[in-house]
Structures are given as C-alpha cells and as structure tokens.
C-alpha cells in the first residue's frame, strides 16, 4: 500500500473513482466517512457500474443495428467516459462481430472498453485485441 493512502467519501461519483484509479494506477479505494472506513471500491465495482449504466442507456433500443451503427454507438458511449482514451481505440464490425483494435492505458480500461462493447445493441461477439500502453493518456 502506498502512503499517504488515497480515500474517497461515500457518494463519490463512479466516474471520479474510475478516473482516480486510472490516473494513480490503483486497484482499490477505501471509502472513509468521519475518519472511519465504511467500505472499499474495487475496479470490478467500477466496471460493473459502467456496464449497468451502458445497459440502461440502451435498454429501450432493441432494433437491429448495422455494423456502422454499432461502431458509432460504441464510440459515442465511450466519448462521455472520462477513463476512455477514444482516440486510441479503433473498433470495426462485421456481421455484429465487433473487433477492438488500438491501445488502452491499463488492463482495467481494456476490460471496461470490452464491457461497453458487449453492452452495445447489435453486438453478437467481441474480439478484444487492444494492447496495453500505460503512457497513452499523456499523449492527449
């Protein structure tokens, strides 16, 4: 564990927690209230929350999607996520099979992008070929 320990208060937005985890390269954050530990947030918790949010955005949209629409929907979804380096992601789609090429800053970001892809309407399968390159966030 590093010192000083980075903590978050209860109710911290998931986006902020994801950003902190990505920027500081940490896997868990203690949740502290009145100098008392009340919980721990893990990367899995953040990924689950992102997946649930993505599903809720698309739950009323069950119509079939073209491959181009699938790619556009994924990019639009990722653009609003503070942890996603969209300029380094190059998705392609053929017959509902979405292939993720490009780079991610961390394994957590790579996994989160795949979760977002799986939650995109019309996707039948995801092939995650993203390479992890920690320095891409510094490139803007």
N, C-alpha and C. Protein backbone atom coordinates (compact mmCIF):
# COMPACT_ATOMS: atom_id res chain seq x y z
N UNK A 1 0.85 -1.18 0.00
CA UNK A 1 0.00 0.00 0.00
C UNK A 1 0.89 1.23 0.00
N UNK A 2 0.50 2.23 -0.76
CA UNK A 2 1.28 3.46 -0.82
C UNK A 2 0.86 4.40 0.31
N UNK A 3 1.74 5.35 0.61
CA UNK A 3 1.45 6.29 1.69
C UNK A 3 1.60 7.70 1.12
N UNK A 4 0.77 8.68 1.34
CA UNK A 4 -0.47 8.56 2.10
C UNK A 4 -1.54 7.81 1.30
N UNK A 5 -2.44 7.19 2.03
CA UNK A 5 -3.49 6.40 1.40
C UNK A 5 -4.54 7.34 0.80
N UNK A 6 -4.85 7.11 -0.46
CA UNK A 6 -5.89 7.88 -1.15
C UNK A 6 -7.24 7.28 -0.78
N UNK A 7 -8.19 8.10 -0.35
CA UNK A 7 -9.52 7.62 0.02
C UNK A 7 -10.57 8.47 -0.68
N UNK A 8 -11.81 7.97 -0.66
CA UNK A 8 -12.94 8.72 -1.20
C UNK A 8 -14.06 8.70 -0.18
N UNK A 9 -14.90 9.74 -0.16
CA UNK A 9 -16.05 9.73 0.74
C UNK A 9 -17.21 8.96 0.12
N UNK A 10 -18.18 8.52 0.93
CA UNK A 10 -19.37 7.87 0.37
C UNK A 10 -20.06 8.81 -0.61
N UNK A 11 -20.61 8.25 -1.67
CA UNK A 11 -21.32 9.05 -2.66
C UNK A 11 -20.45 9.65 -3.75
N UNK A 12 -19.15 9.34 -3.75
CA UNK A 12 -18.28 9.84 -4.80
C UNK A 12 -18.74 9.25 -6.13
N UNK A 13 -18.90 10.08 -7.17
CA UNK A 13 -19.36 9.56 -8.46
C UNK A 13 -18.42 8.49 -9.01
N UNK A 14 -18.99 7.49 -9.64
CA UNK A 14 -18.23 6.38 -10.21
C UNK A 14 -17.20 6.90 -11.21
N UNK A 15 -17.58 7.92 -11.98
CA UNK A 15 -16.66 8.48 -12.97
C UNK A 15 -15.39 9.01 -12.30
N UNK A 16 -15.56 9.68 -11.17
CA UNK A 16 -14.42 10.23 -10.44
C UNK A 16 -13.54 9.10 -9.89
N UNK A 17 -14.17 8.06 -9.36
CA UNK A 17 -13.42 6.92 -8.84
C UNK A 17 -12.65 6.24 -9.97
N UNK A 18 -13.28 6.04 -11.12
CA UNK A 18 -12.61 5.42 -12.27
C UNK A 18 -11.42 6.26 -12.70
N UNK A 19 -11.60 7.57 -12.72
CA UNK A 19 -10.51 8.47 -13.11
C UNK A 19 -9.34 8.36 -12.13
N UNK A 20 -9.63 8.38 -10.83
CA UNK A 20 -8.57 8.26 -9.82
C UNK A 20 -7.82 6.94 -9.95
N UNK A 21 -8.57 5.86 -10.15
CA UNK A 21 -7.94 4.54 -10.27
C UNK A 21 -7.03 4.48 -11.49
N UNK A 22 -7.49 5.06 -12.58
CA UNK A 22 -6.70 5.05 -13.81
C UNK A 22 -5.47 5.94 -13.68
N UNK A 23 -5.66 7.14 -13.19
CA UNK A 23 -4.56 8.09 -13.07
C UNK A 23 -3.48 7.63 -12.08
N UNK A 24 -3.90 7.03 -10.98
CA UNK A 24 -2.97 6.64 -9.92
C UNK A 24 -2.54 5.18 -10.01
N UNK A 25 -3.10 4.47 -10.99
CA UNK A 25 -2.77 3.04 -11.19
C UNK A 25 -3.01 2.23 -9.92
N UNK A 26 -4.22 2.39 -9.37
CA UNK A 26 -4.58 1.64 -8.16
C UNK A 26 -5.80 0.76 -8.44
N UNK A 27 -5.91 -0.33 -7.68
CA UNK A 27 -6.96 -1.31 -7.92
C UNK A 27 -8.13 -1.18 -6.95
N UNK A 28 -7.90 -0.57 -5.79
CA UNK A 28 -8.96 -0.42 -4.80
C UNK A 28 -8.83 0.93 -4.10
N UNK A 29 -9.99 1.47 -3.71
CA UNK A 29 -10.01 2.73 -2.98
C UNK A 29 -10.83 2.56 -1.70
N UNK A 30 -10.25 2.88 -0.55
CA UNK A 30 -11.04 2.85 0.68
C UNK A 30 -12.08 3.98 0.68
N UNK A 31 -13.26 3.68 1.19
CA UNK A 31 -14.32 4.67 1.35
C UNK A 31 -14.34 5.03 2.83
N UNK A 32 -14.10 6.32 3.12
CA UNK A 32 -13.94 6.77 4.50
C UNK A 32 -14.93 7.88 4.80
N UNK A 33 -15.61 7.76 5.96
CA UNK A 33 -16.53 8.78 6.44
C UNK A 33 -16.24 9.05 7.90
N UNK A 34 -16.04 10.32 8.25
CA UNK A 34 -15.70 10.71 9.62
C UNK A 34 -14.50 9.92 10.14
N UNK A 35 -13.46 9.83 9.30
CA UNK A 35 -12.21 9.13 9.63
C UNK A 35 -12.40 7.65 9.95
N UNK A 36 -13.50 7.07 9.43
CA UNK A 36 -13.80 5.66 9.67
C UNK A 36 -14.00 4.95 8.34
N UNK A 37 -13.36 3.79 8.18
CA UNK A 37 -13.52 3.01 6.97
C UNK A 37 -14.93 2.44 6.91
N UNK A 38 -15.64 2.75 5.82
CA UNK A 38 -17.01 2.25 5.66
C UNK A 38 -17.15 1.32 4.46
N UNK A 39 -16.07 1.15 3.69
CA UNK A 39 -16.12 0.25 2.55
C UNK A 39 -14.88 0.37 1.69
N UNK A 40 -14.84 -0.46 0.65
CA UNK A 40 -13.75 -0.43 -0.32
C UNK A 40 -14.37 -0.57 -1.71
N UNK A 41 -13.93 0.26 -2.63
CA UNK A 41 -14.40 0.19 -4.01
C UNK A 41 -13.27 -0.43 -4.84
N UNK A 42 -13.60 -1.46 -5.61
CA UNK A 42 -12.61 -2.13 -6.45
C UNK A 42 -12.84 -1.79 -7.92
N UNK A 43 -11.88 -2.16 -8.75
CA UNK A 43 -12.04 -1.97 -10.20
C UNK A 43 -13.26 -2.74 -10.69
N UNK A 44 -13.49 -3.92 -10.14
CA UNK A 44 -14.65 -4.72 -10.54
C UNK A 44 -15.94 -3.97 -10.25
N UNK A 45 -16.00 -3.26 -9.12
CA UNK A 45 -17.19 -2.46 -8.80
C UNK A 45 -17.41 -1.36 -9.83
N UNK A 46 -16.33 -0.71 -10.22
CA UNK A 46 -16.41 0.37 -11.20
C UNK A 46 -16.85 -0.18 -12.55
N UNK A 47 -16.27 -1.31 -12.95
CA UNK A 47 -16.64 -1.92 -14.23
C UNK A 47 -18.10 -2.34 -14.23
N UNK A 48 -18.56 -2.91 -13.13
CA UNK A 48 -19.97 -3.34 -13.02
C UNK A 48 -20.90 -2.13 -13.14
N UNK A 49 -20.55 -1.03 -12.47
CA UNK A 49 -21.38 0.19 -12.53
C UNK A 49 -21.39 0.75 -13.95
N UNK A 50 -20.24 0.74 -14.63
CA UNK A 50 -20.18 1.23 -16.01
C UNK A 50 -21.04 0.36 -16.92
N UNK A 51 -20.96 -0.94 -16.74
CA UNK A 51 -21.75 -1.87 -17.56
C UNK A 51 -23.24 -1.64 -17.35
N UNK A 52 -23.65 -1.49 -16.10
CA UNK A 52 -25.07 -1.28 -15.80
C UNK A 52 -25.56 0.04 -16.39
N UNK A 53 -24.72 1.07 -16.34
CA UNK A 53 -25.10 2.36 -16.92
C UNK A 53 -25.24 2.26 -18.43
N UNK A 54 -24.31 1.57 -19.06
CA UNK A 54 -24.37 1.41 -20.52
C UNK A 54 -25.61 0.62 -20.91
N UNK A 55 -25.92 -0.44 -20.17
CA UNK A 55 -27.13 -1.21 -20.45
C UNK A 55 -28.39 -0.36 -20.31
N UNK A 56 -28.43 0.47 -19.28
CA UNK A 56 -29.62 1.30 -19.07
C UNK A 56 -29.78 2.33 -20.17
N UNK A 57 -28.68 2.79 -20.76
CA UNK A 57 -28.76 3.75 -21.85
C UNK A 57 -29.38 3.13 -23.11
N UNK A 58 -29.22 1.82 -23.27
CA UNK A 58 -29.63 1.15 -24.49
C UNK A 58 -30.81 0.20 -24.31
N UNK A 59 -31.38 0.10 -23.11
CA UNK A 59 -32.39 -0.94 -22.88
C UNK A 59 -33.66 -0.78 -23.70
N UNK A 60 -34.00 0.43 -24.11
CA UNK A 60 -35.21 0.62 -24.91
C UNK A 60 -34.94 0.54 -26.42
N UNK A 61 -33.70 0.32 -26.80
CA UNK A 61 -33.33 0.34 -28.21
C UNK A 61 -33.00 -1.08 -28.68
N UNK A 62 -34.02 -1.85 -29.03
CA UNK A 62 -33.82 -3.25 -29.40
C UNK A 62 -33.80 -3.49 -30.91
N UNK A 63 -33.92 -2.44 -31.71
CA UNK A 63 -33.97 -2.64 -33.16
C UNK A 63 -32.60 -3.13 -33.65
N UNK A 64 -32.59 -3.86 -34.75
CA UNK A 64 -31.31 -4.33 -35.32
C UNK A 64 -30.43 -3.16 -35.73
N UNK A 65 -29.16 -3.33 -35.59
CA UNK A 65 -28.20 -2.28 -35.93
C UNK A 65 -27.29 -2.74 -37.06
N UNK A 66 -26.93 -1.80 -37.93
CA UNK A 66 -25.93 -2.10 -38.95
C UNK A 66 -24.56 -2.08 -38.27
N UNK A 67 -23.57 -2.63 -38.96
CA UNK A 67 -22.21 -2.64 -38.42
C UNK A 67 -21.70 -1.22 -38.18
N UNK A 68 -22.01 -0.32 -39.09
CA UNK A 68 -21.58 1.08 -38.94
C UNK A 68 -22.25 1.70 -37.72
N UNK A 69 -23.54 1.44 -37.52
CA UNK A 69 -24.25 1.98 -36.35
C UNK A 69 -23.68 1.42 -35.05
N UNK A 70 -23.29 0.16 -35.05
CA UNK A 70 -22.70 -0.45 -33.86
C UNK A 70 -21.41 0.27 -33.48
N UNK A 71 -20.54 0.48 -34.45
CA UNK A 71 -19.28 1.18 -34.18
C UNK A 71 -19.55 2.60 -33.70
N UNK A 72 -20.47 3.31 -34.35
CA UNK A 72 -20.79 4.69 -33.95
C UNK A 72 -21.36 4.72 -32.52
N UNK A 73 -22.23 3.77 -32.19
CA UNK A 73 -22.82 3.72 -30.84
C UNK A 73 -21.75 3.48 -29.79
N UNK A 74 -20.81 2.60 -30.07
CA UNK A 74 -19.72 2.34 -29.11
C UNK A 74 -18.88 3.59 -28.91
N UNK A 75 -18.49 4.23 -30.00
CA UNK A 75 -17.66 5.44 -29.89
C UNK A 75 -18.40 6.53 -29.11
N UNK A 76 -19.68 6.73 -29.39
CA UNK A 76 -20.47 7.74 -28.67
C UNK A 76 -20.55 7.41 -27.18
N UNK A 77 -20.71 6.14 -26.86
CA UNK A 77 -20.77 5.72 -25.45
C UNK A 77 -19.44 6.00 -24.76
N UNK A 78 -18.33 5.67 -25.41
CA UNK A 78 -17.02 5.85 -24.80
C UNK A 78 -16.59 7.30 -24.70
N UNK A 79 -17.06 8.14 -25.63
CA UNK A 79 -16.68 9.56 -25.62
C UNK A 79 -17.03 10.27 -24.30
N UNK A 80 -18.12 9.85 -23.67
CA UNK A 80 -18.54 10.53 -22.44
C UNK A 80 -17.89 9.93 -21.19
N UNK A 81 -17.11 8.88 -21.35
CA UNK A 81 -16.44 8.25 -20.21
C UNK A 81 -15.08 8.90 -20.00
N UNK A 82 -14.81 9.41 -18.79
CA UNK A 82 -13.54 10.10 -18.56
C UNK A 82 -12.32 9.18 -18.62
N UNK A 83 -12.52 7.91 -18.46
CA UNK A 83 -11.40 6.96 -18.44
C UNK A 83 -11.03 6.44 -19.82
N UNK A 84 -11.86 6.67 -20.82
CA UNK A 84 -11.63 6.09 -22.15
C UNK A 84 -10.81 7.02 -23.04
N UNK A 85 -9.69 6.53 -23.54
CA UNK A 85 -8.86 7.27 -24.50
C UNK A 85 -9.35 6.91 -25.90
N UNK A 86 -10.46 7.53 -26.31
CA UNK A 86 -11.16 7.17 -27.55
C UNK A 86 -10.28 7.31 -28.79
N UNK A 87 -9.38 8.27 -28.81
CA UNK A 87 -8.53 8.48 -29.98
C UNK A 87 -7.61 7.29 -30.26
N UNK A 88 -7.42 6.44 -29.27
CA UNK A 88 -6.51 5.30 -29.41
C UNK A 88 -7.26 3.98 -29.65
N UNK A 89 -8.57 4.06 -29.79
CA UNK A 89 -9.39 2.86 -29.98
C UNK A 89 -9.92 2.86 -31.41
N UNK A 90 -9.77 1.72 -32.09
CA UNK A 90 -10.17 1.62 -33.50
C UNK A 90 -11.06 0.39 -33.69
N UNK A 91 -12.35 0.51 -33.33
CA UNK A 91 -13.26 -0.63 -33.48
C UNK A 91 -13.71 -0.82 -34.93
N UNK A 92 -13.91 -2.07 -35.29
CA UNK A 92 -14.52 -2.41 -36.58
C UNK A 92 -15.57 -3.47 -36.31
N UNK A 93 -16.54 -3.57 -37.21
CA UNK A 93 -17.62 -4.54 -37.01
C UNK A 93 -17.99 -5.18 -38.34
N UNK A 94 -18.23 -6.49 -38.28
CA UNK A 94 -18.67 -7.24 -39.45
C UNK A 94 -19.68 -8.29 -38.99
N UNK A 95 -20.90 -8.18 -39.47
CA UNK A 95 -21.99 -9.10 -39.09
C UNK A 95 -22.20 -9.17 -37.57
N UNK A 96 -22.09 -8.02 -36.91
CA UNK A 96 -22.32 -7.96 -35.47
C UNK A 96 -21.15 -8.41 -34.62
N UNK A 97 -20.04 -8.78 -35.25
CA UNK A 97 -18.83 -9.17 -34.51
C UNK A 97 -17.94 -7.94 -34.45
N UNK A 98 -17.78 -7.42 -33.25
CA UNK A 98 -17.05 -6.17 -33.02
C UNK A 98 -15.61 -6.50 -32.64
N UNK A 99 -14.66 -5.96 -33.40
CA UNK A 99 -13.24 -6.15 -33.11
C UNK A 99 -12.68 -4.85 -32.58
N UNK A 100 -12.03 -4.93 -31.43
CA UNK A 100 -11.44 -3.76 -30.79
C UNK A 100 -9.94 -3.76 -31.04
N UNK A 101 -9.47 -2.86 -31.88
CA UNK A 101 -8.05 -2.69 -32.14
C UNK A 101 -7.62 -1.37 -31.53
N UNK A 102 -6.32 -1.23 -31.29
CA UNK A 102 -5.79 0.00 -30.76
C UNK A 102 -5.12 -0.22 -29.42
N UNK A 103 -5.15 0.83 -28.58
CA UNK A 103 -4.42 0.79 -27.32
C UNK A 103 -5.30 1.25 -26.17
N UNK A 104 -5.03 0.67 -25.00
CA UNK A 104 -5.67 1.10 -23.75
C UNK A 104 -4.56 1.42 -22.76
N UNK A 105 -4.86 2.30 -21.82
CA UNK A 105 -3.85 2.72 -20.86
C UNK A 105 -3.58 1.67 -19.78
N UNK A 106 -4.59 0.85 -19.49
CA UNK A 106 -4.43 -0.14 -18.42
C UNK A 106 -5.32 -1.35 -18.71
N UNK A 107 -5.08 -2.40 -17.97
CA UNK A 107 -5.92 -3.58 -18.11
C UNK A 107 -7.37 -3.26 -17.72
N UNK A 108 -7.54 -2.41 -16.71
CA UNK A 108 -8.90 -2.02 -16.28
C UNK A 108 -9.62 -1.27 -17.41
N UNK A 109 -8.90 -0.37 -18.09
CA UNK A 109 -9.52 0.36 -19.19
C UNK A 109 -9.86 -0.59 -20.34
N UNK A 110 -8.95 -1.52 -20.62
CA UNK A 110 -9.17 -2.52 -21.67
C UNK A 110 -10.44 -3.32 -21.38
N UNK A 111 -10.57 -3.77 -20.12
CA UNK A 111 -11.75 -4.54 -19.72
C UNK A 111 -13.02 -3.70 -19.79
N UNK A 112 -12.93 -2.44 -19.36
CA UNK A 112 -14.10 -1.56 -19.38
C UNK A 112 -14.56 -1.29 -20.82
N UNK A 113 -13.62 -1.14 -21.74
CA UNK A 113 -13.98 -0.93 -23.14
C UNK A 113 -14.69 -2.17 -23.68
N UNK A 114 -14.20 -3.34 -23.31
CA UNK A 114 -14.85 -4.57 -23.76
C UNK A 114 -16.27 -4.68 -23.19
N UNK A 115 -16.43 -4.32 -21.93
CA UNK A 115 -17.76 -4.34 -21.32
C UNK A 115 -18.70 -3.39 -22.06
N UNK A 116 -18.20 -2.19 -22.37
CA UNK A 116 -19.01 -1.23 -23.13
C UNK A 116 -19.38 -1.81 -24.49
N UNK A 117 -18.43 -2.48 -25.13
CA UNK A 117 -18.69 -3.07 -26.45
C UNK A 117 -19.76 -4.16 -26.35
N UNK A 118 -19.67 -5.00 -25.34
CA UNK A 118 -20.66 -6.08 -25.17
C UNK A 118 -22.06 -5.53 -24.89
N UNK A 119 -22.12 -4.34 -24.28
CA UNK A 119 -23.41 -3.73 -23.97
C UNK A 119 -24.00 -2.91 -25.12
N UNK A 120 -23.28 -2.83 -26.22
CA UNK A 120 -23.76 -2.06 -27.37
C UNK A 120 -24.80 -2.86 -28.14
N UNK A 121 -25.98 -2.29 -28.39
CA UNK A 121 -27.02 -3.02 -29.11
C UNK A 121 -26.53 -3.50 -30.48
N UNK A 122 -26.85 -4.75 -30.79
CA UNK A 122 -26.49 -5.32 -32.08
C UNK A 122 -25.21 -6.14 -32.06
N UNK A 123 -24.43 -6.04 -30.98
CA UNK A 123 -23.18 -6.78 -30.91
C UNK A 123 -23.47 -8.23 -30.55
N UNK A 124 -22.96 -9.14 -31.39
CA UNK A 124 -23.13 -10.57 -31.14
C UNK A 124 -21.91 -11.18 -30.48
N UNK A 125 -20.74 -10.58 -30.75
CA UNK A 125 -19.48 -11.11 -30.22
C UNK A 125 -18.48 -9.96 -30.18
N UNK A 126 -17.52 -10.03 -29.24
CA UNK A 126 -16.47 -9.03 -29.15
C UNK A 126 -15.12 -9.73 -29.20
N UNK A 127 -14.25 -9.21 -30.04
CA UNK A 127 -12.86 -9.67 -30.11
C UNK A 127 -11.99 -8.52 -29.63
N UNK A 128 -11.42 -8.67 -28.45
CA UNK A 128 -10.66 -7.59 -27.83
C UNK A 128 -9.17 -7.77 -28.13
N UNK A 129 -8.67 -6.97 -29.06
CA UNK A 129 -7.26 -7.02 -29.46
C UNK A 129 -6.50 -5.79 -28.97
N UNK A 130 -7.08 -5.06 -28.03
CA UNK A 130 -6.44 -3.84 -27.52
C UNK A 130 -5.13 -4.19 -26.81
N UNK A 131 -4.11 -3.40 -27.07
CA UNK A 131 -2.80 -3.55 -26.46
C UNK A 131 -2.70 -2.55 -25.32
N UNK A 132 -2.09 -2.94 -24.22
CA UNK A 132 -1.95 -2.03 -23.08
C UNK A 132 -0.66 -1.24 -23.24
N UNK A 133 -0.83 0.10 -23.20
CA UNK A 133 0.29 1.02 -23.29
C UNK A 133 0.06 2.15 -22.29
N UNK A 134 0.64 2.05 -21.08
CA UNK A 134 0.34 3.00 -19.99
C UNK A 134 0.56 4.48 -20.29
N UNK A 135 1.38 4.83 -21.24
CA UNK A 135 1.70 6.24 -21.45
C UNK A 135 0.76 6.97 -22.39
N UNK A 136 -0.28 6.32 -22.91
CA UNK A 136 -1.11 6.99 -23.93
C UNK A 136 -1.90 8.17 -23.39
N UNK A 137 -2.25 8.18 -22.11
CA UNK A 137 -3.03 9.30 -21.56
C UNK A 137 -2.21 10.59 -21.60
N UNK A 138 -0.88 10.47 -21.51
CA UNK A 138 -0.01 11.64 -21.54
C UNK A 138 0.07 12.27 -22.93
N UNK A 139 -0.34 11.49 -23.96
CA UNK A 139 -0.27 11.98 -25.33
C UNK A 139 -1.49 12.79 -25.73
N UNK A 140 -2.56 12.74 -24.88
CA UNK A 140 -3.78 13.51 -25.15
C UNK A 140 -4.59 12.88 -26.14
